[in-house]
N, C-alpha and C. Protein backbone atom coordinates (compact mmCIF):
# COMPACT_ATOMS: atom_id res chain seq x y z
N UNK A 1 6.71 17.84 11.76
CA UNK A 1 6.00 16.64 11.33
C UNK A 1 6.26 16.39 9.85
N UNK A 2 6.10 15.15 9.48
CA UNK A 2 6.37 14.74 8.10
C UNK A 2 5.05 14.46 7.37
N UNK A 3 5.16 14.35 6.06
CA UNK A 3 3.99 13.99 5.25
C UNK A 3 4.27 12.66 4.56
N UNK A 4 3.19 11.92 4.27
CA UNK A 4 3.33 10.59 3.68
C UNK A 4 2.19 10.32 2.72
N UNK A 5 2.47 9.40 1.80
CA UNK A 5 1.41 8.81 0.99
C UNK A 5 1.43 7.32 1.30
N UNK A 6 0.28 6.84 1.74
CA UNK A 6 0.07 5.42 2.04
C UNK A 6 -0.57 4.78 0.82
N UNK A 7 -0.06 3.64 0.43
CA UNK A 7 -0.59 2.93 -0.73
C UNK A 7 -1.07 1.55 -0.34
N UNK A 8 -2.23 1.18 -0.86
CA UNK A 8 -2.61 -0.22 -0.89
C UNK A 8 -1.66 -0.90 -1.88
N UNK A 9 -1.50 -2.21 -1.78
CA UNK A 9 -0.59 -2.89 -2.69
C UNK A 9 -1.34 -3.47 -3.89
N UNK A 10 -2.07 -4.55 -3.68
CA UNK A 10 -2.69 -5.28 -4.80
C UNK A 10 -3.79 -4.47 -5.47
N UNK A 11 -3.66 -4.26 -6.75
CA UNK A 11 -4.62 -3.49 -7.52
C UNK A 11 -4.25 -2.02 -7.60
N UNK A 12 -3.44 -1.54 -6.66
CA UNK A 12 -3.02 -0.14 -6.64
C UNK A 12 -1.60 -0.01 -7.17
N UNK A 13 -0.65 -0.68 -6.53
CA UNK A 13 0.74 -0.66 -7.00
C UNK A 13 1.01 -1.75 -8.03
N UNK A 14 0.42 -2.92 -7.82
CA UNK A 14 0.67 -4.03 -8.74
C UNK A 14 -0.65 -4.55 -9.31
N UNK A 15 -0.51 -5.18 -10.46
CA UNK A 15 -1.67 -5.70 -11.18
C UNK A 15 -2.11 -7.01 -10.56
N UNK A 16 -3.40 -7.09 -10.23
CA UNK A 16 -3.96 -8.34 -9.70
C UNK A 16 -5.18 -8.79 -10.51
N UNK A 17 -5.17 -8.42 -11.78
CA UNK A 17 -6.31 -8.74 -12.63
C UNK A 17 -6.48 -10.25 -12.82
N UNK A 18 -5.39 -10.98 -12.98
CA UNK A 18 -5.47 -12.42 -13.25
C UNK A 18 -5.37 -13.28 -12.00
N UNK A 19 -4.95 -12.67 -10.90
CA UNK A 19 -4.77 -13.40 -9.64
C UNK A 19 -5.22 -12.52 -8.49
N UNK A 20 -6.17 -12.97 -7.69
CA UNK A 20 -6.56 -12.18 -6.53
C UNK A 20 -5.44 -12.15 -5.51
N UNK A 21 -4.81 -13.32 -5.30
CA UNK A 21 -3.69 -13.40 -4.37
C UNK A 21 -2.38 -13.35 -5.15
N UNK A 22 -1.61 -12.32 -4.90
CA UNK A 22 -0.30 -12.18 -5.52
C UNK A 22 0.74 -12.43 -4.43
N UNK A 23 1.49 -13.52 -4.56
CA UNK A 23 2.52 -13.81 -3.58
C UNK A 23 3.79 -14.40 -4.20
N UNK A 24 3.73 -14.71 -5.50
CA UNK A 24 4.90 -15.21 -6.21
C UNK A 24 5.54 -14.07 -7.00
N UNK A 25 6.86 -13.91 -6.87
CA UNK A 25 7.52 -12.84 -7.62
C UNK A 25 7.23 -12.88 -9.12
N UNK A 26 7.11 -14.07 -9.69
CA UNK A 26 6.86 -14.16 -11.14
C UNK A 26 5.46 -13.66 -11.52
N UNK A 27 4.55 -13.54 -10.55
CA UNK A 27 3.20 -13.02 -10.82
C UNK A 27 3.10 -11.52 -10.54
N UNK A 28 4.16 -10.93 -10.04
CA UNK A 28 4.14 -9.52 -9.64
C UNK A 28 4.47 -8.63 -10.82
N UNK A 29 3.57 -7.71 -11.13
CA UNK A 29 3.76 -6.77 -12.23
C UNK A 29 3.27 -5.40 -11.77
N UNK A 30 4.14 -4.40 -11.82
CA UNK A 30 3.75 -3.05 -11.43
C UNK A 30 2.70 -2.50 -12.39
N UNK A 31 1.78 -1.74 -11.85
CA UNK A 31 0.78 -1.07 -12.68
C UNK A 31 1.42 0.10 -13.41
N UNK A 32 0.79 0.57 -14.49
CA UNK A 32 1.33 1.71 -15.22
C UNK A 32 1.46 2.94 -14.32
N UNK A 33 2.54 3.68 -14.51
CA UNK A 33 2.72 4.94 -13.82
C UNK A 33 3.25 4.85 -12.40
N UNK A 34 3.49 3.65 -11.89
CA UNK A 34 3.96 3.50 -10.50
C UNK A 34 5.33 4.15 -10.33
N UNK A 35 6.26 3.86 -11.21
CA UNK A 35 7.61 4.40 -11.08
C UNK A 35 7.59 5.93 -11.12
N UNK A 36 6.91 6.49 -12.10
CA UNK A 36 6.87 7.94 -12.25
C UNK A 36 6.19 8.60 -11.04
N UNK A 37 5.11 8.01 -10.58
CA UNK A 37 4.36 8.59 -9.46
C UNK A 37 5.16 8.54 -8.17
N UNK A 38 5.72 7.38 -7.85
CA UNK A 38 6.49 7.28 -6.61
C UNK A 38 7.72 8.19 -6.66
N UNK A 39 8.37 8.27 -7.81
CA UNK A 39 9.54 9.16 -7.94
C UNK A 39 9.16 10.61 -7.69
N UNK A 40 8.06 11.05 -8.27
CA UNK A 40 7.61 12.43 -8.11
C UNK A 40 7.23 12.72 -6.66
N UNK A 41 6.53 11.78 -6.03
CA UNK A 41 6.13 11.99 -4.63
C UNK A 41 7.35 12.06 -3.71
N UNK A 42 8.36 11.23 -3.98
CA UNK A 42 9.60 11.32 -3.18
C UNK A 42 10.24 12.69 -3.36
N UNK A 43 10.27 13.19 -4.61
CA UNK A 43 10.84 14.51 -4.87
C UNK A 43 10.09 15.60 -4.11
N UNK A 44 8.79 15.39 -3.91
CA UNK A 44 7.97 16.36 -3.18
C UNK A 44 8.09 16.19 -1.66
N UNK A 45 8.91 15.24 -1.22
CA UNK A 45 9.18 15.08 0.21
C UNK A 45 8.25 14.15 0.96
N UNK A 46 7.47 13.36 0.25
CA UNK A 46 6.57 12.41 0.91
C UNK A 46 7.29 11.12 1.29
N UNK A 47 6.97 10.61 2.47
CA UNK A 47 7.32 9.23 2.79
C UNK A 47 6.39 8.33 1.98
N UNK A 48 6.88 7.17 1.59
CA UNK A 48 6.08 6.20 0.82
C UNK A 48 5.90 4.94 1.67
N UNK A 49 4.65 4.66 2.02
CA UNK A 49 4.35 3.55 2.93
C UNK A 49 3.25 2.69 2.32
N UNK A 50 3.47 1.38 2.36
CA UNK A 50 2.47 0.43 1.85
C UNK A 50 1.74 -0.18 3.04
N UNK A 51 0.41 -0.24 2.92
CA UNK A 51 -0.45 -0.89 3.91
C UNK A 51 -1.24 -1.94 3.16
N UNK A 52 -1.00 -3.23 3.47
CA UNK A 52 -1.63 -4.28 2.68
C UNK A 52 -2.27 -5.36 3.53
N UNK A 53 -3.51 -5.69 3.20
CA UNK A 53 -4.17 -6.87 3.78
C UNK A 53 -3.71 -8.08 2.99
N UNK A 54 -3.26 -9.10 3.69
CA UNK A 54 -2.83 -10.34 3.05
C UNK A 54 -3.52 -11.51 3.72
N UNK A 55 -4.85 -11.56 3.54
CA UNK A 55 -5.67 -12.59 4.15
C UNK A 55 -5.36 -13.99 3.67
N UNK A 56 -4.67 -14.12 2.55
CA UNK A 56 -4.26 -15.44 2.07
C UNK A 56 -3.34 -16.15 3.04
N UNK A 57 -2.66 -15.39 3.90
CA UNK A 57 -1.81 -16.01 4.93
C UNK A 57 -2.69 -16.77 5.92
N UNK A 58 -3.74 -16.12 6.40
CA UNK A 58 -4.65 -16.76 7.35
C UNK A 58 -5.38 -17.94 6.70
N UNK A 59 -5.63 -17.83 5.41
CA UNK A 59 -6.31 -18.90 4.69
C UNK A 59 -5.36 -20.02 4.25
N UNK A 60 -4.07 -19.83 4.58
CA UNK A 60 -3.01 -20.80 4.26
C UNK A 60 -2.82 -21.01 2.77
N UNK A 61 -3.13 -19.98 1.98
CA UNK A 61 -2.87 -20.02 0.54
C UNK A 61 -1.39 -19.77 0.26
N UNK A 62 -0.74 -19.04 1.17
CA UNK A 62 0.69 -18.75 1.11
C UNK A 62 1.12 -18.34 2.51
N UNK A 63 2.42 -18.22 2.71
CA UNK A 63 2.94 -17.93 4.05
C UNK A 63 3.38 -16.47 4.17
N UNK A 64 3.56 -16.04 5.41
CA UNK A 64 4.08 -14.70 5.66
C UNK A 64 5.49 -14.56 5.09
N UNK A 65 6.28 -15.63 5.14
CA UNK A 65 7.62 -15.60 4.52
C UNK A 65 7.52 -15.35 3.02
N UNK A 66 6.52 -15.94 2.37
CA UNK A 66 6.35 -15.71 0.93
C UNK A 66 5.92 -14.27 0.65
N UNK A 67 5.11 -13.69 1.53
CA UNK A 67 4.74 -12.28 1.39
C UNK A 67 5.99 -11.42 1.53
N UNK A 68 6.82 -11.70 2.52
CA UNK A 68 8.04 -10.93 2.72
C UNK A 68 8.99 -11.08 1.53
N UNK A 69 9.05 -12.28 0.96
CA UNK A 69 9.88 -12.50 -0.23
C UNK A 69 9.37 -11.66 -1.40
N UNK A 70 8.06 -11.61 -1.57
CA UNK A 70 7.50 -10.78 -2.64
C UNK A 70 7.80 -9.31 -2.39
N UNK A 71 7.71 -8.87 -1.15
CA UNK A 71 8.01 -7.47 -0.84
C UNK A 71 9.48 -7.14 -1.09
N UNK A 72 10.34 -8.10 -0.82
CA UNK A 72 11.77 -7.91 -1.14
C UNK A 72 11.93 -7.73 -2.65
N UNK A 73 11.25 -8.57 -3.42
CA UNK A 73 11.28 -8.49 -4.89
C UNK A 73 10.76 -7.12 -5.34
N UNK A 74 9.62 -6.67 -4.79
CA UNK A 74 9.04 -5.39 -5.16
C UNK A 74 10.02 -4.25 -4.84
N UNK A 75 10.62 -4.30 -3.66
CA UNK A 75 11.56 -3.25 -3.27
C UNK A 75 12.77 -3.21 -4.19
N UNK A 76 13.26 -4.37 -4.60
CA UNK A 76 14.39 -4.42 -5.55
C UNK A 76 14.01 -3.77 -6.88
N UNK A 77 12.81 -4.08 -7.38
CA UNK A 77 12.35 -3.46 -8.63
C UNK A 77 12.31 -1.94 -8.50
N UNK A 78 11.79 -1.46 -7.40
CA UNK A 78 11.68 -0.03 -7.19
C UNK A 78 13.05 0.62 -6.98
N UNK A 79 13.90 -0.06 -6.22
CA UNK A 79 15.23 0.51 -5.95
C UNK A 79 16.07 0.63 -7.22
N UNK A 80 15.83 -0.27 -8.19
CA UNK A 80 16.53 -0.14 -9.49
C UNK A 80 16.16 1.16 -10.18
N UNK A 81 15.01 1.71 -9.81
CA UNK A 81 14.54 2.98 -10.38
C UNK A 81 14.80 4.15 -9.43
N UNK A 82 15.56 3.89 -8.36
CA UNK A 82 15.91 4.95 -7.42
C UNK A 82 14.82 5.27 -6.40
N UNK A 83 13.88 4.35 -6.21
CA UNK A 83 12.76 4.58 -5.30
C UNK A 83 12.91 3.70 -4.07
N UNK A 84 12.83 4.31 -2.90
CA UNK A 84 12.90 3.56 -1.64
C UNK A 84 11.57 3.70 -0.91
N UNK A 85 10.95 2.56 -0.60
CA UNK A 85 9.76 2.57 0.24
C UNK A 85 10.20 2.73 1.68
N UNK A 86 9.53 3.57 2.42
CA UNK A 86 9.91 3.80 3.80
C UNK A 86 9.48 2.68 4.73
N UNK A 87 8.36 2.04 4.40
CA UNK A 87 7.91 0.89 5.21
C UNK A 87 6.78 0.18 4.50
N UNK A 88 6.63 -1.09 4.85
CA UNK A 88 5.52 -1.91 4.38
C UNK A 88 4.90 -2.54 5.62
N UNK A 89 3.61 -2.29 5.81
CA UNK A 89 2.87 -2.89 6.92
C UNK A 89 1.89 -3.92 6.35
N UNK A 90 1.87 -5.10 6.98
CA UNK A 90 1.07 -6.22 6.49
C UNK A 90 0.11 -6.70 7.57
N UNK A 91 -1.16 -6.88 7.20
CA UNK A 91 -2.11 -7.59 8.05
C UNK A 91 -2.26 -8.99 7.46
N UNK A 92 -1.84 -10.03 8.18
CA UNK A 92 -1.91 -11.40 7.67
C UNK A 92 -3.21 -12.12 8.05
N UNK A 93 -4.16 -11.38 8.61
CA UNK A 93 -5.38 -12.00 9.13
C UNK A 93 -6.51 -11.95 8.09
N UNK A 94 -7.55 -12.71 8.36
CA UNK A 94 -8.75 -12.66 7.52
C UNK A 94 -9.97 -12.78 8.43
N UNK A 95 -10.95 -11.92 8.21
CA UNK A 95 -12.10 -11.85 9.10
C UNK A 95 -12.90 -13.16 9.14
N UNK A 96 -12.81 -13.99 8.12
CA UNK A 96 -13.52 -15.28 8.14
C UNK A 96 -12.87 -16.29 9.08
N UNK A 97 -11.61 -16.01 9.46
CA UNK A 97 -10.85 -16.96 10.28
C UNK A 97 -10.59 -16.44 11.68
N UNK A 98 -10.24 -15.16 11.78
CA UNK A 98 -9.91 -14.59 13.08
C UNK A 98 -10.14 -13.07 13.07
N UNK A 99 -10.59 -12.58 14.17
CA UNK A 99 -10.76 -11.13 14.30
C UNK A 99 -9.40 -10.50 14.57
N UNK A 100 -9.22 -9.30 14.09
CA UNK A 100 -7.98 -8.58 14.38
C UNK A 100 -8.27 -7.09 14.36
N UNK A 101 -7.30 -6.32 14.77
CA UNK A 101 -7.43 -4.86 14.79
C UNK A 101 -6.63 -4.19 13.68
N UNK A 102 -5.90 -4.99 12.90
CA UNK A 102 -5.00 -4.38 11.92
C UNK A 102 -5.48 -4.46 10.48
N UNK A 103 -6.57 -5.15 10.22
CA UNK A 103 -7.04 -5.31 8.85
C UNK A 103 -7.84 -4.07 8.42
N UNK A 104 -7.46 -3.52 7.26
CA UNK A 104 -8.25 -2.44 6.71
C UNK A 104 -9.67 -2.96 6.50
N UNK A 105 -10.68 -2.23 6.85
CA UNK A 105 -10.76 -0.77 6.96
C UNK A 105 -10.37 -0.18 8.31
N UNK A 106 -9.95 -0.99 9.27
CA UNK A 106 -9.48 -0.44 10.53
C UNK A 106 -8.15 0.29 10.28
N UNK A 107 -7.89 1.38 10.98
CA UNK A 107 -6.73 2.21 10.68
C UNK A 107 -5.47 1.91 11.51
N UNK A 108 -5.43 0.80 12.25
CA UNK A 108 -4.32 0.58 13.18
C UNK A 108 -2.95 0.64 12.52
N UNK A 109 -2.76 0.01 11.37
CA UNK A 109 -1.43 0.00 10.74
C UNK A 109 -1.04 1.41 10.27
N UNK A 110 -2.01 2.16 9.83
CA UNK A 110 -1.75 3.55 9.45
C UNK A 110 -1.37 4.35 10.69
N UNK A 111 -2.10 4.16 11.77
CA UNK A 111 -1.81 4.87 13.01
C UNK A 111 -0.42 4.52 13.55
N UNK A 112 -0.02 3.27 13.41
CA UNK A 112 1.34 2.87 13.82
C UNK A 112 2.39 3.67 13.04
N UNK A 113 2.18 3.77 11.73
CA UNK A 113 3.13 4.50 10.89
C UNK A 113 3.13 5.99 11.25
N UNK A 114 1.95 6.55 11.50
CA UNK A 114 1.86 7.96 11.88
C UNK A 114 2.68 8.23 13.14
N UNK A 115 2.55 7.34 14.13
CA UNK A 115 3.30 7.50 15.39
C UNK A 115 4.79 7.29 15.17
N UNK A 116 5.13 6.25 14.45
CA UNK A 116 6.55 5.89 14.27
C UNK A 116 7.32 6.96 13.50
N UNK A 117 6.72 7.49 12.44
CA UNK A 117 7.42 8.43 11.56
C UNK A 117 7.05 9.89 11.80
N UNK A 118 6.25 10.17 12.84
CA UNK A 118 5.82 11.54 13.16
C UNK A 118 5.17 12.19 11.94
N UNK A 119 4.13 11.53 11.43
CA UNK A 119 3.44 11.97 10.21
C UNK A 119 2.25 12.85 10.58
N UNK A 120 2.08 13.92 9.82
CA UNK A 120 0.93 14.79 9.96
C UNK A 120 -0.18 14.25 9.06
N UNK A 121 -1.25 13.70 9.62
CA UNK A 121 -2.32 13.15 8.79
C UNK A 121 -2.96 14.17 7.85
N UNK A 122 -3.01 15.43 8.28
CA UNK A 122 -3.65 16.47 7.47
C UNK A 122 -2.85 16.78 6.20
N UNK A 123 -1.58 16.42 6.19
CA UNK A 123 -0.71 16.64 5.02
C UNK A 123 -0.43 15.35 4.27
N UNK A 124 -1.19 14.29 4.59
CA UNK A 124 -0.90 12.96 4.05
C UNK A 124 -2.12 12.36 3.36
N UNK A 125 -1.86 11.33 2.59
CA UNK A 125 -2.87 10.71 1.72
C UNK A 125 -2.83 9.20 1.83
N UNK A 126 -3.97 8.59 1.52
CA UNK A 126 -4.02 7.15 1.29
C UNK A 126 -4.60 6.94 -0.10
N UNK A 127 -3.93 6.09 -0.89
CA UNK A 127 -4.37 5.76 -2.24
C UNK A 127 -4.70 4.28 -2.28
N UNK A 128 -5.92 3.96 -2.72
CA UNK A 128 -6.31 2.56 -2.79
C UNK A 128 -7.41 2.33 -3.79
N UNK A 129 -7.65 1.03 -4.05
CA UNK A 129 -8.62 0.65 -5.06
C UNK A 129 -9.86 -0.03 -4.48
N UNK A 130 -10.09 0.15 -3.17
CA UNK A 130 -11.28 -0.45 -2.57
C UNK A 130 -11.87 0.48 -1.52
N UNK A 131 -13.11 0.24 -1.21
CA UNK A 131 -13.80 1.03 -0.19
C UNK A 131 -13.12 0.88 1.17
N UNK A 132 -12.61 -0.32 1.47
CA UNK A 132 -11.97 -0.52 2.78
C UNK A 132 -10.67 0.29 2.88
N UNK A 133 -9.98 0.51 1.75
CA UNK A 133 -8.79 1.36 1.78
C UNK A 133 -9.18 2.80 2.14
N UNK A 134 -10.20 3.29 1.44
CA UNK A 134 -10.66 4.66 1.67
C UNK A 134 -11.15 4.84 3.10
N UNK A 135 -11.90 3.88 3.61
CA UNK A 135 -12.40 3.98 4.98
C UNK A 135 -11.26 4.00 5.99
N UNK A 136 -10.23 3.20 5.76
CA UNK A 136 -9.07 3.18 6.67
C UNK A 136 -8.37 4.54 6.67
N UNK A 137 -8.18 5.09 5.48
CA UNK A 137 -7.55 6.40 5.39
C UNK A 137 -8.37 7.48 6.07
N UNK A 138 -9.67 7.47 5.85
CA UNK A 138 -10.54 8.46 6.48
C UNK A 138 -10.52 8.32 8.00
N UNK A 139 -10.53 7.08 8.48
CA UNK A 139 -10.52 6.84 9.94
C UNK A 139 -9.23 7.35 10.58
N UNK A 140 -8.15 7.37 9.81
CA UNK A 140 -6.87 7.85 10.32
C UNK A 140 -6.68 9.35 10.10
N UNK A 141 -7.66 10.00 9.48
CA UNK A 141 -7.58 11.44 9.27
C UNK A 141 -6.81 11.87 8.04
N UNK A 142 -6.58 10.93 7.10
CA UNK A 142 -5.84 11.23 5.88
C UNK A 142 -6.77 11.72 4.78
N UNK A 143 -6.20 12.41 3.80
CA UNK A 143 -6.91 12.61 2.55
C UNK A 143 -6.94 11.27 1.85
N UNK A 144 -7.97 10.99 1.09
CA UNK A 144 -8.06 9.69 0.42
C UNK A 144 -8.28 9.86 -1.07
N UNK A 145 -7.72 8.91 -1.81
CA UNK A 145 -7.88 8.89 -3.26
C UNK A 145 -8.25 7.48 -3.66
N UNK A 146 -9.42 7.33 -4.23
CA UNK A 146 -9.86 6.05 -4.76
C UNK A 146 -9.49 5.99 -6.24
N UNK A 147 -8.85 4.89 -6.64
CA UNK A 147 -8.56 4.68 -8.06
C UNK A 147 -9.14 3.32 -8.47
N UNK A 148 -9.41 3.18 -9.74
CA UNK A 148 -9.86 1.90 -10.27
C UNK A 148 -8.71 0.90 -10.16
N UNK A 149 -9.05 -0.36 -9.89
CA UNK A 149 -8.04 -1.41 -9.80
C UNK A 149 -7.22 -1.49 -11.08
N UNK A 150 -5.92 -1.62 -10.91
CA UNK A 150 -4.97 -1.85 -12.01
C UNK A 150 -4.91 -0.71 -13.01
N UNK A 151 -5.23 0.50 -12.56
CA UNK A 151 -5.20 1.66 -13.44
C UNK A 151 -3.85 2.37 -13.35
N UNK A 152 -3.69 3.38 -14.16
CA UNK A 152 -2.45 4.16 -14.20
C UNK A 152 -2.38 5.03 -12.95
N UNK A 153 -1.32 4.85 -12.18
CA UNK A 153 -1.19 5.55 -10.89
C UNK A 153 -0.91 7.04 -11.06
N UNK A 154 -0.46 7.46 -12.22
CA UNK A 154 -0.12 8.88 -12.42
C UNK A 154 -1.30 9.82 -12.16
N UNK A 155 -2.51 9.29 -12.22
CA UNK A 155 -3.69 10.13 -11.99
C UNK A 155 -3.69 10.77 -10.60
N UNK A 156 -3.02 10.15 -9.64
CA UNK A 156 -3.02 10.72 -8.29
C UNK A 156 -2.18 11.98 -8.20
N UNK A 157 -1.25 12.16 -9.12
CA UNK A 157 -0.41 13.37 -9.11
C UNK A 157 -1.23 14.63 -9.40
N UNK A 158 -2.39 14.46 -10.05
CA UNK A 158 -3.27 15.60 -10.32
C UNK A 158 -3.93 16.09 -9.03
N UNK A 159 -3.99 15.21 -8.02
CA UNK A 159 -4.67 15.53 -6.74
C UNK A 159 -3.64 15.92 -5.67
N UNK A 160 -2.55 15.18 -5.62
CA UNK A 160 -1.50 15.41 -4.61
C UNK A 160 -0.51 16.42 -5.17
N UNK A 161 -0.50 17.59 -4.61
CA UNK A 161 0.47 18.63 -5.05
C UNK A 161 1.00 19.37 -3.86
């Protein structure tokens, strides 16, 4: 079995201080320590997986194509630093508009990744900046790390060893 670190996107990997919905590449800015942290975790043999709620799609603030375009931009930024994300899972729903099974705090997207990549939850982590991130990780049997929104990601390296 493999080990993984699951990351929330907005507020955890990228700064969302000025915009709650980040969907334009020009608004995308990595938080401090993201490059160093992801590089170190890859060296330690972790898969890197993003699990992100994108309720703005359901609210028609932006489209799923625009989310995918932003993810392409994010992946290019990371790949320039030698970092490859193993997968990005997106929930495009919003509870005010439609019920779904994939929106955090429900663990479905994490469970999909666990099955697909043969991940051992006991050796894996979820890092996020909200209670719903932590609840999703706990429901999937992962270790969880709560960080303040838009903070330096390097702090998780003190926990994940």
